[in-house]
């Protein structure tokens, strides 16, 4: 039995890998093939293309890559129709996957979309397109079920996989020792993003922010988890260009959770990593930069005053957001140092993050596999 699957970035690769492992545990004969990253490949998925081929962000950037992406999607659809999988699972990457799902659904192949697009934040008009493309939606957050029930799209809340992976009571001192960090000196985790396009916008910004922090706090220690070899090389290039002005940084290959568990504070590019920081009880500042044209277009479509997932889930600002032109090294460094200086705010954040963790810890892979397995049943 073949299941087609496509994930387009590091967070989708994790989701896909956890689901593949659980499905193969239940149904050893099931095979997975499609597009993914190293974690899905390690879980046993046959990769027809690498997830990095889909890792394009922003309107203007997508336009530049659109012909290539459309050719890739057409080849993928043709191959899936030829292979006739039992069903197709699109993991996140809605701009790519919804088109695949719509084409397959028209051919009578069952489709599952795993991770709701952020309809509650922007582009809510996509619900009609989703209804035409998706037989079943798997959502990570409880408030999303009402959106799909109202639109008459079958939906299952499965919780968030990061909530299952993160320890309920992280031991910061133990994690610092494991990474050979000075136990008494403050540790800052820098998470500039998982995609090469994000590193283009953020690597120099994060290095310069660390320089500002180190000028005011010379004993500061810095951890930088990087998702892929390519993004690590990018970051190393920026560090090399900065020369002696950059403070020492420990670069980790992956291990974002370990970095956040060890860190006292973090600077995080907006996205799934903001939720990961919350689950590891790490107070953080959220930032992001886009091209000027993309930012103007996105800003017009935003439906909420906040973007970071901890703020969306709380329905209010709980972590600082500093975006676009305001995202300068002095501003970001000062926000981090202000947060470090305010012990009461940090403790309040950590209590809030613990409550959020308990709400999202649902046995994600098992719930997702239950929903997928039900669609495979005769």
Protein backbone atom coordinates (compact mmCIF):
# COMPACT_ATOMS: atom_id res chain seq x y z
CA UNK A 1 0.00 0.00 0.00
CA UNK A 2 1.40 3.40 -1.03
CA UNK A 3 0.67 6.75 0.61
CA UNK A 4 1.81 9.91 -1.16
CA UNK A 5 3.14 12.66 1.10
CA UNK A 6 4.65 16.14 0.62
CA UNK A 7 6.29 18.37 3.24
CA UNK A 8 8.09 21.57 2.38
CA UNK A 9 10.21 22.69 5.33
CA UNK A 10 11.76 21.57 8.62
CA UNK A 11 8.59 21.71 10.72
CA UNK A 12 6.65 19.74 8.08
CA UNK A 13 9.50 17.25 7.84
CA UNK A 14 9.15 16.57 11.58
CA UNK A 15 5.37 16.16 11.34
CA UNK A 16 5.66 13.87 8.35
CA UNK A 17 8.36 11.75 10.00
CA UNK A 18 6.38 11.24 13.22
CA UNK A 19 3.27 10.24 11.26
CA UNK A 20 5.23 7.88 8.99
CA UNK A 21 6.82 6.13 11.99
CA UNK A 22 3.45 5.64 13.69
CA UNK A 23 1.73 4.44 10.53
CA UNK A 24 4.52 1.97 9.74
CA UNK A 25 4.39 0.67 13.32
CA UNK A 26 0.69 -0.10 12.83
CA UNK A 27 0.87 -1.17 9.18
CA UNK A 28 4.37 -2.52 8.39
CA UNK A 29 3.42 -3.03 4.74
CA UNK A 30 2.60 0.63 4.10
CA UNK A 31 5.01 2.63 1.92
CA UNK A 32 5.42 6.41 1.76
CA UNK A 33 6.80 8.41 -1.18
CA UNK A 34 6.86 12.04 -2.26
CA UNK A 35 8.68 15.18 -1.14
CA UNK A 36 10.29 15.63 2.26
CA UNK A 37 13.43 16.21 4.26
CA UNK A 38 16.00 14.15 6.15
CA UNK A 39 13.70 13.19 9.02
CA UNK A 40 11.04 11.78 6.69
CA UNK A 41 13.71 9.94 4.72
CA UNK A 42 15.11 8.44 7.93
CA UNK A 43 11.57 7.34 8.86
CA UNK A 44 11.39 5.33 5.62
CA UNK A 45 9.88 7.72 3.07
CA UNK A 46 11.13 7.44 -0.51
CA UNK A 47 11.97 10.98 -1.62
CA UNK A 48 11.19 11.82 -5.23
CA UNK A 49 12.29 15.40 -4.52
CA UNK A 50 13.87 17.23 -1.58
CA UNK A 51 11.78 19.53 0.62
CA UNK A 52 14.34 22.30 0.05
CA UNK A 53 13.01 22.60 -3.52
CA UNK A 54 9.76 24.03 -2.09
CA UNK A 55 11.39 26.33 0.48
CA UNK A 56 10.50 29.68 -1.09
CA UNK A 57 8.87 32.40 0.98
CA UNK A 58 7.06 35.64 0.21
CA UNK A 59 5.01 36.80 -2.79
CA UNK A 60 7.79 38.39 -4.79
CA UNK A 61 10.16 35.50 -4.15
CA UNK A 62 7.54 32.93 -5.18
CA UNK A 63 6.89 34.80 -8.43
CA UNK A 64 10.54 34.44 -9.36
CA UNK A 65 10.42 30.68 -8.75
CA UNK A 66 6.85 30.11 -9.96
CA UNK A 67 7.60 28.44 -13.33
CA UNK A 68 9.92 25.91 -11.67
CA UNK A 69 7.43 25.19 -8.86
CA UNK A 70 4.57 24.72 -11.33
CA UNK A 71 6.64 22.26 -13.38
CA UNK A 72 7.55 20.37 -10.23
CA UNK A 73 3.93 20.21 -9.12
CA UNK A 74 2.77 19.01 -12.53
CA UNK A 75 5.36 16.22 -12.55
CA UNK A 76 4.40 15.23 -9.02
CA UNK A 77 0.67 15.11 -9.84
CA UNK A 78 1.32 13.01 -12.94
CA UNK A 79 3.45 10.58 -10.96
CA UNK A 80 0.92 10.27 -8.16
CA UNK A 81 -1.90 9.63 -10.62
CA UNK A 82 0.26 6.97 -12.28
CA UNK A 83 1.18 5.36 -8.93
CA UNK A 84 -2.41 5.48 -7.58
CA UNK A 85 -1.65 5.81 -3.84
CA UNK A 86 -4.29 4.80 -1.30
CA UNK A 87 -4.36 8.47 -0.24
CA UNK A 88 -2.30 11.65 -0.34
CA UNK A 89 -1.16 13.69 2.67
CA UNK A 90 -0.08 17.29 2.17
CA UNK A 91 1.87 18.44 5.21
CA UNK A 92 1.57 22.22 5.55
CA UNK A 93 3.00 24.06 2.45
CA UNK A 94 -0.57 25.02 1.43
CA UNK A 95 0.32 27.09 -1.64
CA UNK A 96 1.90 23.98 -3.16
CA UNK A 97 -0.09 21.17 -1.59
CA UNK A 98 -3.62 22.47 -2.08
CA UNK A 99 -3.09 22.45 -5.84
CA UNK A 100 -1.85 18.86 -5.68
CA UNK A 101 -4.76 17.86 -3.47
CA UNK A 102 -7.36 19.49 -5.73
CA UNK A 103 -6.01 17.66 -8.80
CA UNK A 104 -5.93 14.32 -7.00
CA UNK A 105 -9.37 14.76 -5.47
CA UNK A 106 -10.83 15.40 -8.92
CA UNK A 107 -9.36 12.02 -9.93
CA UNK A 108 -11.04 10.31 -6.98
CA UNK A 109 -7.93 9.95 -4.79
CA UNK A 110 -8.56 10.69 -1.07
CA UNK A 111 -6.67 13.73 0.25
CA UNK A 112 -5.62 14.78 3.74
CA UNK A 113 -4.15 18.16 4.61
CA UNK A 114 -2.07 18.17 7.78
CA UNK A 115 -1.71 21.60 9.45
CA UNK A 116 -4.31 24.22 8.74
CA UNK A 117 -3.25 27.33 6.85
CA UNK A 118 -3.48 30.35 9.16
CA UNK A 119 -6.99 31.31 8.09
CA UNK A 120 -7.58 32.92 11.48
CA UNK A 121 -4.63 35.27 10.84
CA UNK A 122 -4.85 36.10 7.14
CA UNK A 123 -6.34 35.07 3.79
CA UNK A 124 -9.49 33.59 5.30
CA UNK A 125 -11.01 33.48 1.82
CA UNK A 126 -8.97 30.30 1.16
CA UNK A 127 -11.58 28.16 2.93
CA UNK A 128 -13.46 27.59 -0.34
CA UNK A 129 -10.31 26.37 -2.07
CA UNK A 130 -9.58 24.09 0.87
CA UNK A 131 -13.09 22.61 0.80
CA UNK A 132 -12.66 21.78 -2.90
CA UNK A 133 -9.26 20.13 -2.36
CA UNK A 134 -9.34 18.39 1.02
CA UNK A 135 -11.27 15.32 2.18
CA UNK A 136 -10.00 15.60 5.75
CA UNK A 137 -8.14 18.33 7.64
CA UNK A 138 -5.83 17.59 10.58
CA UNK A 139 -5.36 20.66 12.80
CA UNK A 140 -2.75 21.31 15.49
CA UNK A 141 -4.67 23.84 17.59
CA UNK A 142 -8.07 23.31 19.25
CA UNK A 143 -9.63 26.60 18.15
CA UNK A 144 -9.17 25.67 14.47
CA UNK A 145 -11.81 22.92 14.50
CA UNK A 146 -14.67 25.43 14.56
CA UNK A 147 -13.45 27.03 11.32
CA UNK A 148 -13.68 23.74 9.42
CA UNK A 149 -16.87 22.53 11.04
CA UNK A 150 -18.55 25.77 9.94
CA UNK A 151 -17.27 25.18 6.39
CA UNK A 152 -18.38 21.51 6.47
CA UNK A 153 -14.84 20.18 6.01
CA UNK A 154 -14.21 16.99 8.05
CA UNK A 155 -11.63 17.88 10.70
CA UNK A 156 -9.66 16.26 13.53
CA UNK A 157 -7.73 18.08 16.25
CA UNK A 158 -4.50 16.13 16.80
CA UNK A 159 -2.48 18.37 19.12
CA UNK A 160 1.03 19.54 18.37
CA UNK A 161 3.99 17.16 17.97
CA UNK A 162 6.40 19.57 19.60
CA UNK A 163 4.28 19.43 22.75
CA UNK A 164 4.79 15.67 22.84
CA UNK A 165 8.54 15.90 22.23
CA UNK A 166 9.32 18.70 24.68
CA UNK A 167 9.76 17.65 28.34
CA UNK A 168 7.07 18.89 30.69
CA UNK A 169 9.71 20.02 33.18
CA UNK A 170 12.92 20.96 31.30
CA UNK A 171 16.08 21.07 33.42
CA UNK A 172 17.95 24.17 32.24
CA UNK A 173 20.99 23.57 34.44
CA UNK A 174 21.34 20.01 33.14
CA UNK A 175 21.05 21.14 29.51
CA UNK A 176 23.65 23.86 30.05
CA UNK A 177 26.04 21.28 31.47
CA UNK A 178 25.41 18.92 28.54
CA UNK A 179 26.40 21.70 26.12
CA UNK A 180 29.44 22.63 28.25
CA UNK A 181 28.16 26.13 28.98
CA UNK A 182 29.17 28.21 31.99
CA UNK A 183 26.40 27.61 34.56
CA UNK A 184 26.38 31.17 35.91
CA UNK A 185 26.59 33.12 32.66
CA UNK A 186 23.42 33.97 30.67
CA UNK A 187 22.70 31.89 27.57
CA UNK A 188 20.94 33.31 24.50
CA UNK A 189 19.57 31.03 21.77
CA UNK A 190 19.41 32.55 18.28
CA UNK A 191 16.94 30.89 15.86
CA UNK A 192 17.12 32.78 12.55
CA UNK A 193 14.86 30.39 10.60
CA UNK A 194 14.98 27.00 8.92
CA UNK A 195 15.02 28.09 5.26
CA UNK A 196 17.79 29.58 3.17
CA UNK A 197 15.60 32.58 2.27
CA UNK A 198 15.12 33.31 5.97
CA UNK A 199 18.86 33.17 6.58
CA UNK A 200 19.39 35.68 3.77
CA UNK A 201 17.19 38.12 5.68
CA UNK A 202 18.13 37.21 9.24
CA UNK A 203 21.67 35.86 9.58
CA UNK A 204 23.47 39.20 9.63
CA UNK A 205 20.69 40.74 11.74
CA UNK A 206 21.04 38.02 14.38
CA UNK A 207 24.84 38.19 14.43
CA UNK A 208 24.75 41.98 14.82
CA UNK A 209 22.13 41.67 17.58
CA UNK A 210 24.44 39.26 19.41
CA UNK A 211 27.24 41.82 19.05
CA UNK A 212 25.01 44.46 20.69
CA UNK A 213 24.06 42.11 23.54
CA UNK A 214 27.71 41.11 24.12
CA UNK A 215 28.78 44.77 24.27
CA UNK A 216 26.40 45.32 27.18
CA UNK A 217 26.71 41.84 28.67
CA UNK A 218 30.22 40.53 27.94
CA UNK A 219 29.65 37.21 29.72
CA UNK A 220 26.72 36.31 27.42
CA UNK A 221 26.87 32.91 25.70
CA UNK A 222 25.20 32.22 22.34
CA UNK A 223 23.74 29.06 20.83
CA UNK A 224 22.62 28.89 17.18
CA UNK A 225 20.76 25.75 16.05
CA UNK A 226 20.62 25.49 12.25
CA UNK A 227 18.28 23.11 10.46
CA UNK A 228 20.32 22.08 7.40
CA UNK A 229 23.87 21.96 6.09
CA UNK A 230 22.98 24.76 3.67
CA UNK A 231 21.69 27.12 6.36
CA UNK A 232 24.69 26.31 8.55
CA UNK A 233 27.03 27.25 5.71
CA UNK A 234 25.12 30.49 5.19
CA UNK A 235 25.39 31.42 8.85
CA UNK A 236 29.07 30.49 8.99
CA UNK A 237 29.67 32.79 6.01
CA UNK A 238 28.06 35.72 7.83
CA UNK A 239 30.08 34.97 10.96
CA UNK A 240 33.27 34.87 8.92
CA UNK A 241 32.41 38.23 7.34
CA UNK A 242 31.76 39.73 10.79
CA UNK A 243 35.24 38.73 11.91
CA UNK A 244 36.36 39.56 15.42
CA UNK A 245 33.36 41.80 16.11
CA UNK A 246 31.08 38.75 16.43
CA UNK A 247 31.02 37.11 19.86
CA UNK A 248 31.81 33.38 20.12
CA UNK A 249 28.80 31.25 19.12
CA UNK A 250 28.18 27.53 19.39
CA UNK A 251 26.56 26.38 16.14
CA UNK A 252 24.39 23.27 16.45
CA UNK A 253 23.26 21.05 13.60
CA UNK A 254 19.57 20.86 14.42
CA UNK A 255 18.91 20.44 18.15
CA UNK A 256 16.75 23.56 18.44
CA UNK A 257 15.05 21.97 21.44
CA UNK A 258 18.35 21.45 23.23
CA UNK A 259 19.36 25.05 22.58
CA UNK A 260 16.04 26.38 23.87
CA UNK A 261 16.11 24.10 26.90
CA UNK A 262 19.55 25.43 27.81
CA UNK A 263 18.87 29.10 27.01
CA UNK A 264 17.73 31.73 29.46
CA UNK A 265 16.41 33.85 26.58
CA UNK A 266 15.98 33.52 22.82
CA UNK A 267 15.67 35.60 19.69
CA UNK A 268 13.39 33.70 17.32
CA UNK A 269 12.31 34.18 13.72
CA UNK A 270 8.51 34.07 13.58
CA UNK A 271 7.12 30.63 12.78
CA UNK A 272 6.90 27.24 14.46
CA UNK A 273 10.10 27.99 16.40
CA UNK A 274 8.21 30.54 18.52
CA UNK A 275 5.94 27.76 19.75
CA UNK A 276 8.97 25.53 20.35
CA UNK A 277 10.53 28.27 22.47
CA UNK A 278 7.33 28.48 24.52
CA UNK A 279 7.19 24.71 25.01
CA UNK A 280 10.75 24.74 26.34
CA UNK A 281 9.74 27.54 28.75
CA UNK A 282 12.21 29.93 27.15
CA UNK A 283 11.24 33.63 27.29
CA UNK A 284 11.86 35.09 23.87
CA UNK A 285 11.62 37.99 21.46
CA UNK A 286 10.09 37.35 18.02
CA UNK A 287 11.29 39.02 14.85
CA UNK A 288 11.01 38.68 11.08
CA UNK A 289 12.01 40.48 7.91
CA UNK A 290 10.56 40.19 4.41
CA UNK A 291 11.31 42.01 1.20
CA UNK A 292 9.63 45.43 1.22
CA UNK A 293 7.14 44.47 -1.50
CA UNK A 294 6.15 41.21 0.19
CA UNK A 295 5.79 42.92 3.56
CA UNK A 296 3.39 45.53 2.13
CA UNK A 297 1.22 42.81 0.60
CA UNK A 298 1.20 40.62 3.72
CA UNK A 299 0.44 43.51 6.05
CA UNK A 300 -2.74 44.36 4.12
CA UNK A 301 -4.06 40.83 4.57
CA UNK A 302 -3.37 40.36 8.29
CA UNK A 303 -6.49 39.78 10.37
CA UNK A 304 -4.89 39.84 13.84
CA UNK A 305 -2.67 42.42 15.56
CA UNK A 306 -0.08 39.73 16.38
CA UNK A 307 1.73 37.04 14.41
CA UNK A 308 3.76 34.87 16.80
CA UNK A 309 2.04 31.62 17.75
CA UNK A 310 2.29 32.14 21.54
CA UNK A 311 0.42 35.42 21.07
CA UNK A 312 -2.15 33.92 18.71
CA UNK A 313 -2.87 31.06 21.12
CA UNK A 314 -3.15 33.44 24.07
CA UNK A 315 -5.31 35.90 22.12
CA UNK A 316 -3.06 38.74 23.31
CA UNK A 317 0.54 39.88 23.33
CA UNK A 318 2.59 37.73 25.69
CA UNK A 319 5.93 37.86 23.86
CA UNK A 320 7.40 40.91 22.10
CA UNK A 321 7.14 41.10 18.30
CA UNK A 322 9.59 43.36 16.43
CA UNK A 323 9.23 43.18 12.65
CA UNK A 324 10.59 44.64 9.44
CA UNK A 325 12.05 48.17 9.70
CA UNK A 326 11.81 48.12 13.51
CA UNK A 327 13.89 44.92 13.57
CA UNK A 328 17.31 46.51 14.03
CA UNK A 329 20.18 45.10 16.10
CA UNK A 330 19.90 47.82 18.80
CA UNK A 331 16.11 47.35 19.12
CA UNK A 332 16.31 43.55 19.29
CA UNK A 333 19.23 43.59 21.71
CA UNK A 334 17.45 46.04 24.00
CA UNK A 335 14.27 43.94 23.98
CA UNK A 336 16.29 40.86 24.98
CA UNK A 337 18.12 42.71 27.73
CA UNK A 338 14.88 44.26 29.02
CA UNK A 339 13.35 40.81 29.25
CA UNK A 340 16.40 39.49 31.06
CA UNK A 341 16.20 42.33 33.58
CA UNK A 342 12.53 41.70 34.42
CA UNK A 343 12.41 38.51 36.50
CA UNK A 344 8.67 38.88 37.25
CA UNK A 345 7.76 38.98 33.54
CA UNK A 346 10.00 35.98 32.82
CA UNK A 347 8.43 33.92 35.58
CA UNK A 348 4.93 34.86 34.43
CA UNK A 349 5.86 33.82 30.89
CA UNK A 350 7.22 30.48 32.03
CA UNK A 351 3.99 29.71 33.94
CA UNK A 352 1.92 30.63 30.89
CA UNK A 353 4.11 28.47 28.64
CA UNK A 354 3.67 25.49 30.99
CA UNK A 355 -0.12 25.78 30.77
CA UNK A 356 0.03 26.05 26.97
CA UNK A 357 2.21 22.94 26.85
CA UNK A 358 -0.30 20.87 28.80
CA UNK A 359 -3.13 21.96 26.48
CA UNK A 360 -1.27 20.98 23.30
CA UNK A 361 0.18 17.68 24.54
CA UNK A 362 -2.34 15.26 22.99
CA UNK A 363 -0.33 12.35 21.54
CA UNK A 364 -0.13 13.99 18.13
CA UNK A 365 1.29 11.15 16.01
CA UNK A 366 -1.19 8.65 17.45
CA UNK A 367 -4.18 10.94 16.84
CA UNK A 368 -3.04 11.76 13.31
CA UNK A 369 -2.49 8.06 12.55
CA UNK A 370 -5.95 7.26 13.91
CA UNK A 371 -7.50 9.76 11.48
CA UNK A 372 -5.43 8.57 8.51
CA UNK A 373 -6.05 4.91 9.37
CA UNK A 374 -9.81 5.52 9.41
CA UNK A 375 -9.62 6.83 5.86
CA UNK A 376 -7.72 3.71 4.76
CA UNK A 377 -10.33 1.35 6.21
CA UNK A 378 -12.62 -0.27 3.62
